[in-house]
N, C-alpha and C. Protein backbone atom coordinates (compact mmCIF):
# COMPACT_ATOMS: atom_id res chain seq x y z
N MET A 1 172.36 95.17 60.65
CA MET A 1 173.43 95.15 59.70
C MET A 1 173.51 96.51 59.00
N THR A 2 174.70 97.04 58.85
CA THR A 2 174.90 98.33 58.20
C THR A 2 175.17 98.11 56.72
N THR A 3 174.46 98.83 55.88
CA THR A 3 174.68 98.72 54.45
C THR A 3 175.78 99.67 54.02
N ALA A 4 176.32 99.45 52.83
CA ALA A 4 177.37 100.32 52.31
C ALA A 4 176.86 101.74 52.15
N THR A 5 175.60 101.89 51.73
CA THR A 5 175.01 103.22 51.57
C THR A 5 174.93 103.93 52.91
N THR A 6 174.47 103.23 53.92
CA THR A 6 174.36 103.82 55.25
C THR A 6 175.75 104.17 55.79
N THR A 7 176.71 103.29 55.62
CA THR A 7 178.06 103.54 56.07
C THR A 7 178.64 104.76 55.34
N GLY A 8 178.39 104.87 54.05
CA GLY A 8 178.86 106.01 53.28
C GLY A 8 178.22 107.30 53.73
N ALA A 9 176.91 107.25 54.01
CA ALA A 9 176.21 108.45 54.48
C ALA A 9 176.74 108.89 55.83
N ILE A 10 176.98 107.93 56.72
CA ILE A 10 177.51 108.25 58.04
C ILE A 10 178.89 108.88 57.91
N ALA A 11 179.73 108.32 57.07
CA ALA A 11 181.07 108.88 56.86
C ALA A 11 180.98 110.30 56.29
N THR A 12 180.04 110.53 55.39
CA THR A 12 179.84 111.87 54.83
C THR A 12 179.40 112.84 55.91
N HIS A 13 178.44 112.44 56.72
CA HIS A 13 177.97 113.29 57.83
C HIS A 13 179.13 113.64 58.77
N GLU A 14 179.91 112.63 59.13
CA GLU A 14 181.03 112.86 60.05
C GLU A 14 182.05 113.82 59.44
N ALA A 15 182.35 113.66 58.17
CA ALA A 15 183.29 114.56 57.50
C ALA A 15 182.75 115.98 57.46
N GLN A 16 181.46 116.12 57.18
CA GLN A 16 180.85 117.46 57.16
C GLN A 16 180.89 118.10 58.54
N ILE A 17 180.60 117.32 59.57
CA ILE A 17 180.61 117.83 60.94
C ILE A 17 182.02 118.23 61.36
N ARG A 18 183.01 117.41 61.03
CA ARG A 18 184.40 117.77 61.35
C ARG A 18 184.79 119.08 60.66
N ALA A 19 184.36 119.27 59.42
CA ALA A 19 184.65 120.52 58.71
C ALA A 19 184.00 121.71 59.40
N VAL A 20 182.75 121.54 59.84
CA VAL A 20 182.07 122.61 60.58
C VAL A 20 182.82 122.92 61.86
N LEU A 21 183.19 121.90 62.61
CA LEU A 21 183.87 122.12 63.89
C LEU A 21 185.27 122.69 63.70
N ASP A 22 185.96 122.31 62.63
CA ASP A 22 187.27 122.89 62.33
C ASP A 22 187.13 124.39 62.06
N ASP A 23 186.12 124.76 61.27
CA ASP A 23 185.91 126.18 60.96
C ASP A 23 185.48 126.95 62.21
N TRP A 24 184.61 126.35 63.01
CA TRP A 24 184.14 126.94 64.26
C TRP A 24 185.32 127.17 65.21
N ALA A 25 186.21 126.17 65.34
CA ALA A 25 187.38 126.30 66.21
C ALA A 25 188.32 127.39 65.70
N ALA A 26 188.50 127.48 64.38
CA ALA A 26 189.34 128.53 63.81
C ALA A 26 188.76 129.91 64.13
N ALA A 27 187.44 130.03 64.08
CA ALA A 27 186.79 131.30 64.42
C ALA A 27 186.99 131.62 65.90
N LEU A 28 186.93 130.62 66.78
CA LEU A 28 187.21 130.85 68.20
C LEU A 28 188.64 131.34 68.39
N ARG A 29 189.59 130.67 67.74
CA ARG A 29 190.99 131.08 67.88
C ARG A 29 191.19 132.53 67.41
N ALA A 30 190.49 132.91 66.36
CA ALA A 30 190.61 134.26 65.80
C ALA A 30 189.74 135.28 66.54
N LYS A 31 188.94 134.82 67.49
CA LYS A 31 188.00 135.66 68.23
C LYS A 31 187.01 136.36 67.28
N SER A 32 186.52 135.60 66.33
CA SER A 32 185.55 136.11 65.36
C SER A 32 184.14 135.74 65.81
N VAL A 33 183.42 136.72 66.34
CA VAL A 33 182.05 136.49 66.79
C VAL A 33 181.20 135.98 65.63
N GLU A 34 181.29 136.64 64.50
CA GLU A 34 180.48 136.24 63.34
C GLU A 34 180.84 134.84 62.87
N GLY A 35 182.14 134.51 62.88
CA GLY A 35 182.59 133.18 62.47
C GLY A 35 182.08 132.08 63.37
N VAL A 36 182.06 132.34 64.67
CA VAL A 36 181.54 131.36 65.63
C VAL A 36 180.04 131.22 65.45
N MET A 37 179.34 132.36 65.43
CA MET A 37 177.87 132.33 65.41
C MET A 37 177.29 131.82 64.10
N ARG A 38 178.07 131.87 63.03
CA ARG A 38 177.61 131.32 61.75
C ARG A 38 177.30 129.83 61.88
N HIS A 39 177.91 129.18 62.85
CA HIS A 39 177.71 127.74 63.05
C HIS A 39 176.66 127.41 64.11
N HIS A 40 176.03 128.42 64.69
CA HIS A 40 174.99 128.21 65.70
C HIS A 40 173.63 128.12 65.03
N ALA A 41 172.86 127.14 65.41
CA ALA A 41 171.48 126.99 64.92
C ALA A 41 170.57 127.96 65.66
N PRO A 42 169.46 128.34 65.05
CA PRO A 42 168.46 129.11 65.81
C PRO A 42 168.06 128.32 67.06
N GLY A 43 167.97 129.01 68.18
CA GLY A 43 167.65 128.34 69.44
C GLY A 43 168.87 127.75 70.15
N PHE A 44 170.07 128.07 69.69
CA PHE A 44 171.31 127.59 70.29
C PHE A 44 171.31 127.82 71.80
N VAL A 45 171.72 126.78 72.55
CA VAL A 45 171.82 126.85 74.01
C VAL A 45 173.24 126.44 74.39
N HIS A 46 173.82 127.20 75.33
CA HIS A 46 175.20 126.97 75.75
C HIS A 46 175.26 126.78 77.26
N PHE A 47 175.73 125.63 77.68
CA PHE A 47 176.04 125.38 79.09
C PHE A 47 177.54 125.64 79.21
N SER A 48 177.89 126.88 79.44
CA SER A 48 179.27 127.36 79.40
C SER A 48 179.99 127.09 80.71
N LEU A 49 181.32 127.22 80.65
CA LEU A 49 182.11 127.18 81.88
C LEU A 49 181.80 128.38 82.75
N ALA A 50 181.44 129.50 82.12
CA ALA A 50 181.16 130.73 82.86
C ALA A 50 179.70 130.79 83.29
N PRO A 51 179.41 131.49 84.38
CA PRO A 51 178.01 131.71 84.76
C PRO A 51 177.29 132.50 83.68
N PRO A 52 176.00 132.40 83.59
CA PRO A 52 175.05 131.67 84.42
C PRO A 52 175.02 130.19 84.03
N LEU A 53 174.10 129.45 84.61
CA LEU A 53 174.02 128.03 84.33
C LEU A 53 173.66 127.73 82.87
N VAL A 54 172.83 128.56 82.28
CA VAL A 54 172.41 128.38 80.88
C VAL A 54 172.54 129.72 80.17
N THR A 55 173.12 129.70 78.98
CA THR A 55 173.26 130.90 78.17
C THR A 55 172.64 130.64 76.81
N ALA A 56 171.87 131.58 76.35
CA ALA A 56 171.35 131.55 74.98
C ALA A 56 171.79 132.86 74.33
N ASP A 57 173.06 132.94 73.97
CA ASP A 57 173.66 134.16 73.42
C ASP A 57 173.39 134.20 71.93
N ASN A 58 172.19 134.54 71.57
CA ASN A 58 171.82 134.48 70.16
C ASN A 58 172.18 135.74 69.38
N ASP A 59 172.69 136.79 70.07
CA ASP A 59 173.11 137.99 69.33
C ASP A 59 174.61 138.21 69.40
N GLY A 60 175.34 137.36 70.11
CA GLY A 60 176.79 137.44 70.16
C GLY A 60 177.35 138.38 71.21
N THR A 61 176.50 139.02 71.98
CA THR A 61 176.96 140.00 72.97
C THR A 61 177.88 139.36 74.01
N ALA A 62 177.47 138.25 74.60
CA ALA A 62 178.29 137.60 75.63
C ALA A 62 179.61 137.12 75.04
N LEU A 63 179.57 136.58 73.85
CA LEU A 63 180.79 136.11 73.19
C LEU A 63 181.73 137.28 72.90
N ARG A 64 181.21 138.36 72.39
CA ARG A 64 182.00 139.56 72.11
C ARG A 64 182.64 140.09 73.41
N ASP A 65 181.86 140.14 74.48
CA ASP A 65 182.38 140.61 75.76
C ASP A 65 183.48 139.68 76.28
N TRP A 66 183.31 138.37 76.12
CA TRP A 66 184.30 137.40 76.58
C TRP A 66 185.58 137.51 75.75
N PHE A 67 185.45 137.61 74.43
CA PHE A 67 186.62 137.77 73.58
C PHE A 67 187.43 139.00 73.99
N ALA A 68 186.76 140.05 74.42
CA ALA A 68 187.44 141.30 74.80
C ALA A 68 188.31 141.14 76.05
N THR A 69 188.14 140.05 76.80
CA THR A 69 188.95 139.83 78.01
C THR A 69 190.29 139.17 77.69
N TRP A 70 190.55 138.88 76.41
CA TRP A 70 191.77 138.21 75.97
C TRP A 70 192.59 139.13 75.07
N GLN A 71 193.92 139.05 75.22
CA GLN A 71 194.83 139.73 74.29
C GLN A 71 195.11 138.79 73.13
N GLY A 72 195.12 139.30 71.92
CA GLY A 72 195.52 138.49 70.77
C GLY A 72 194.63 137.29 70.56
N PRO A 73 195.07 136.38 69.69
CA PRO A 73 194.27 135.19 69.39
C PRO A 73 194.27 134.20 70.56
N LEU A 74 193.32 133.31 70.53
CA LEU A 74 193.21 132.26 71.54
C LEU A 74 193.85 130.97 71.03
N ALA A 75 194.34 130.17 71.96
CA ALA A 75 194.71 128.79 71.64
C ALA A 75 193.45 127.97 71.92
N TYR A 76 193.04 127.18 70.96
CA TYR A 76 191.84 126.35 71.16
C TYR A 76 191.99 125.09 70.32
N GLU A 77 191.72 123.98 70.94
CA GLU A 77 191.72 122.72 70.20
C GLU A 77 190.68 121.79 70.77
N LEU A 78 190.18 120.92 69.93
CA LEU A 78 189.29 119.84 70.33
C LEU A 78 190.04 118.55 70.07
N ARG A 79 190.13 117.71 71.08
CA ARG A 79 190.92 116.49 71.00
C ARG A 79 190.05 115.28 71.31
N ASP A 80 190.40 114.16 70.73
CA ASP A 80 189.71 112.89 70.98
C ASP A 80 188.22 113.00 70.68
N LEU A 81 187.89 113.69 69.59
CA LEU A 81 186.51 113.93 69.23
C LEU A 81 185.84 112.66 68.72
N ALA A 82 184.74 112.30 69.34
CA ALA A 82 183.91 111.18 68.89
C ALA A 82 182.60 111.76 68.36
N ILE A 83 182.15 111.26 67.22
CA ILE A 83 180.94 111.76 66.59
C ILE A 83 179.99 110.60 66.33
N VAL A 84 178.75 110.79 66.71
CA VAL A 84 177.67 109.86 66.35
C VAL A 84 176.67 110.69 65.56
N ALA A 85 176.46 110.32 64.30
CA ALA A 85 175.63 111.15 63.43
C ALA A 85 174.56 110.33 62.74
N GLY A 86 173.38 110.91 62.67
CA GLY A 86 172.30 110.37 61.87
C GLY A 86 172.05 111.31 60.70
N ASP A 87 170.91 111.20 60.08
CA ASP A 87 170.62 112.05 58.93
C ASP A 87 170.28 113.49 59.32
N ALA A 88 169.77 113.72 60.54
CA ALA A 88 169.31 115.05 60.92
C ALA A 88 169.90 115.57 62.22
N ALA A 89 170.54 114.70 62.99
CA ALA A 89 171.09 115.12 64.28
C ALA A 89 172.40 114.38 64.54
N ALA A 90 173.26 115.02 65.33
CA ALA A 90 174.55 114.42 65.67
C ALA A 90 174.93 114.83 67.09
N PHE A 91 175.76 114.01 67.68
CA PHE A 91 176.24 114.20 69.04
C PHE A 91 177.75 114.02 69.00
N CYS A 92 178.49 114.93 69.59
CA CYS A 92 179.95 114.85 69.61
C CYS A 92 180.45 115.09 71.03
N HIS A 93 181.54 114.44 71.36
CA HIS A 93 182.19 114.74 72.64
C HIS A 93 183.69 114.55 72.52
N GLY A 94 184.40 115.29 73.34
CA GLY A 94 185.86 115.21 73.36
C GLY A 94 186.39 116.12 74.44
N LEU A 95 187.69 116.35 74.37
CA LEU A 95 188.34 117.23 75.32
C LEU A 95 188.73 118.52 74.61
N GLY A 96 188.51 119.63 75.29
CA GLY A 96 188.88 120.92 74.73
C GLY A 96 190.02 121.52 75.51
N ARG A 97 190.83 122.29 74.81
CA ARG A 97 191.89 123.04 75.47
C ARG A 97 191.75 124.50 75.04
N LEU A 98 191.74 125.36 76.02
CA LEU A 98 191.64 126.79 75.79
C LEU A 98 192.80 127.47 76.48
N GLY A 99 193.45 128.38 75.79
CA GLY A 99 194.56 129.10 76.39
C GLY A 99 194.72 130.46 75.76
N GLY A 100 195.43 131.31 76.45
CA GLY A 100 195.71 132.64 75.94
C GLY A 100 196.15 133.55 77.05
N THR A 101 196.34 134.80 76.68
CA THR A 101 196.75 135.81 77.63
C THR A 101 195.59 136.76 77.88
N LYS A 102 195.23 136.90 79.14
CA LYS A 102 194.14 137.80 79.51
C LYS A 102 194.60 139.25 79.38
N THR A 103 193.66 140.16 79.41
CA THR A 103 194.00 141.58 79.25
C THR A 103 194.87 142.10 80.40
N ASP A 104 194.87 141.40 81.54
CA ASP A 104 195.73 141.81 82.65
C ASP A 104 197.14 141.23 82.53
N GLY A 105 197.42 140.52 81.42
CA GLY A 105 198.74 139.96 81.18
C GLY A 105 198.94 138.55 81.69
N LYS A 106 197.98 138.02 82.42
CA LYS A 106 198.10 136.65 82.94
C LYS A 106 197.83 135.64 81.84
N ARG A 107 198.66 134.61 81.81
CA ARG A 107 198.51 133.53 80.83
C ARG A 107 197.66 132.43 81.46
N ASN A 108 196.67 131.95 80.75
CA ASN A 108 195.78 130.89 81.23
C ASN A 108 195.73 129.75 80.24
N GLU A 109 195.58 128.54 80.77
CA GLU A 109 195.33 127.37 79.93
C GLU A 109 194.46 126.41 80.73
N LEU A 110 193.53 125.80 80.06
CA LEU A 110 192.56 124.94 80.72
C LEU A 110 192.14 123.81 79.80
N TRP A 111 192.13 122.60 80.30
CA TRP A 111 191.51 121.46 79.61
C TRP A 111 190.13 121.26 80.20
N PHE A 112 189.17 120.95 79.37
CA PHE A 112 187.79 120.75 79.82
C PHE A 112 187.10 119.72 78.95
N ARG A 113 185.95 119.28 79.43
CA ARG A 113 185.13 118.32 78.67
C ARG A 113 184.18 119.12 77.80
N GLN A 114 184.00 118.66 76.58
CA GLN A 114 183.15 119.38 75.63
C GLN A 114 182.17 118.40 74.99
N THR A 115 180.91 118.77 74.97
CA THR A 115 179.87 118.00 74.29
C THR A 115 179.11 118.95 73.39
N LEU A 116 178.87 118.52 72.17
CA LEU A 116 178.15 119.34 71.20
C LEU A 116 177.02 118.53 70.59
N GLY A 117 175.89 119.18 70.43
CA GLY A 117 174.77 118.61 69.69
C GLY A 117 174.58 119.42 68.42
N LEU A 118 174.42 118.75 67.31
CA LEU A 118 174.22 119.44 66.03
C LEU A 118 172.95 118.94 65.38
N ARG A 119 172.38 119.80 64.54
CA ARG A 119 171.26 119.37 63.73
C ARG A 119 171.51 119.83 62.30
N LYS A 120 170.92 119.09 61.40
CA LYS A 120 171.10 119.40 59.99
C LYS A 120 169.87 120.14 59.49
N ALA A 121 170.10 121.30 58.90
CA ALA A 121 169.04 122.10 58.30
C ALA A 121 169.38 122.21 56.82
N GLY A 122 168.59 121.58 55.98
CA GLY A 122 168.92 121.52 54.56
C GLY A 122 170.17 120.68 54.39
N ASP A 123 171.20 121.26 53.81
CA ASP A 123 172.46 120.52 53.64
C ASP A 123 173.55 121.01 54.59
N ARG A 124 173.15 121.72 55.64
CA ARG A 124 174.11 122.37 56.53
C ARG A 124 173.96 121.91 57.99
N TRP A 125 175.07 121.48 58.58
CA TRP A 125 175.10 121.12 60.00
C TRP A 125 175.33 122.38 60.83
N GLN A 126 174.55 122.52 61.93
CA GLN A 126 174.69 123.65 62.83
C GLN A 126 174.69 123.16 64.27
N ILE A 127 175.42 123.88 65.11
CA ILE A 127 175.49 123.54 66.53
C ILE A 127 174.25 124.09 67.22
N ILE A 128 173.49 123.21 67.85
CA ILE A 128 172.27 123.60 68.57
C ILE A 128 172.52 123.62 70.08
N HIS A 129 173.50 122.83 70.54
CA HIS A 129 173.76 122.74 71.97
C HIS A 129 175.26 122.56 72.20
N GLN A 130 175.80 123.32 73.15
CA GLN A 130 177.20 123.21 73.54
C GLN A 130 177.26 123.11 75.05
N HIS A 131 178.01 122.12 75.54
CA HIS A 131 178.14 121.93 76.99
C HIS A 131 179.62 121.74 77.31
N GLU A 132 180.12 122.56 78.22
CA GLU A 132 181.50 122.46 78.69
C GLU A 132 181.48 122.22 80.19
N SER A 133 182.44 121.46 80.66
CA SER A 133 182.52 121.25 82.10
C SER A 133 183.94 120.90 82.52
N VAL A 134 184.24 121.17 83.78
CA VAL A 134 185.46 120.70 84.41
C VAL A 134 185.03 119.93 85.65
N PRO A 135 185.75 118.87 85.98
CA PRO A 135 185.43 118.17 87.22
C PRO A 135 185.82 119.04 88.42
N PHE A 136 185.30 118.67 89.58
CA PHE A 136 185.74 119.37 90.79
C PHE A 136 186.23 118.34 91.78
N TYR A 137 187.10 118.80 92.67
CA TYR A 137 187.69 117.89 93.66
C TYR A 137 186.63 117.52 94.70
N MET A 138 186.50 116.23 94.94
CA MET A 138 185.49 115.69 95.83
C MET A 138 186.01 115.57 97.27
N ASP A 139 186.98 116.42 97.61
CA ASP A 139 187.59 116.40 98.94
C ASP A 139 186.93 117.38 99.92
N GLY A 140 185.81 117.96 99.49
CA GLY A 140 185.12 118.93 100.33
C GLY A 140 185.49 120.37 100.01
N SER A 141 186.53 120.57 99.21
CA SER A 141 186.95 121.93 98.89
C SER A 141 186.04 122.58 97.84
N MET A 142 185.38 121.76 97.03
CA MET A 142 184.51 122.21 95.94
C MET A 142 185.29 123.02 94.90
N LYS A 143 186.60 122.86 94.84
CA LYS A 143 187.42 123.59 93.87
C LYS A 143 187.41 122.88 92.52
N ALA A 144 187.30 123.69 91.48
CA ALA A 144 187.35 123.15 90.13
C ALA A 144 188.73 122.56 89.89
N ALA A 145 188.76 121.42 89.20
CA ALA A 145 190.02 120.73 88.92
C ALA A 145 190.59 121.24 87.60
N VAL A 146 191.02 122.51 87.60
CA VAL A 146 191.50 123.14 86.37
C VAL A 146 192.97 122.81 86.08
N ASP A 147 193.58 122.01 86.94
CA ASP A 147 194.97 121.63 86.73
C ASP A 147 195.12 120.30 85.99
N LEU A 148 194.01 119.67 85.61
CA LEU A 148 194.06 118.37 84.95
C LEU A 148 194.51 118.51 83.50
N LYS A 149 195.23 117.51 83.02
CA LYS A 149 195.64 117.44 81.62
C LYS A 149 195.41 116.00 81.16
N PRO A 150 195.09 115.82 79.88
CA PRO A 150 194.87 114.45 79.40
C PRO A 150 196.15 113.63 79.39
């Protein structure tokens, strides 16, 4: 049975996490390395869409290099976000959309699956793990299904 206090604490955690993710997404859209990394916990691990299989970009170099491949701000949104939060850790998943114009002038847009793990340090939630993925066609082509939309 859930008590009112527990329900209130969970709602508070979820609201705090949504605020962190809103600010983090705004920093991504603005291509602000510092704004994005302010929300990363020490030991942050990223299973990115881009190689390699695991990234631990703890100094922002890879993020800065990636931002440089885009003209202007990015389009970025997190949709259908579900959050499960305890007092010290949280798990979120939803669909992400990334779009923008590359430095070569090509316009790109992609929907992908996004999973985030957060931990609470003091009174602050930080992202400790980020995982992005796209499905691939199981027809033998091994091509990423980047044409999917929700």
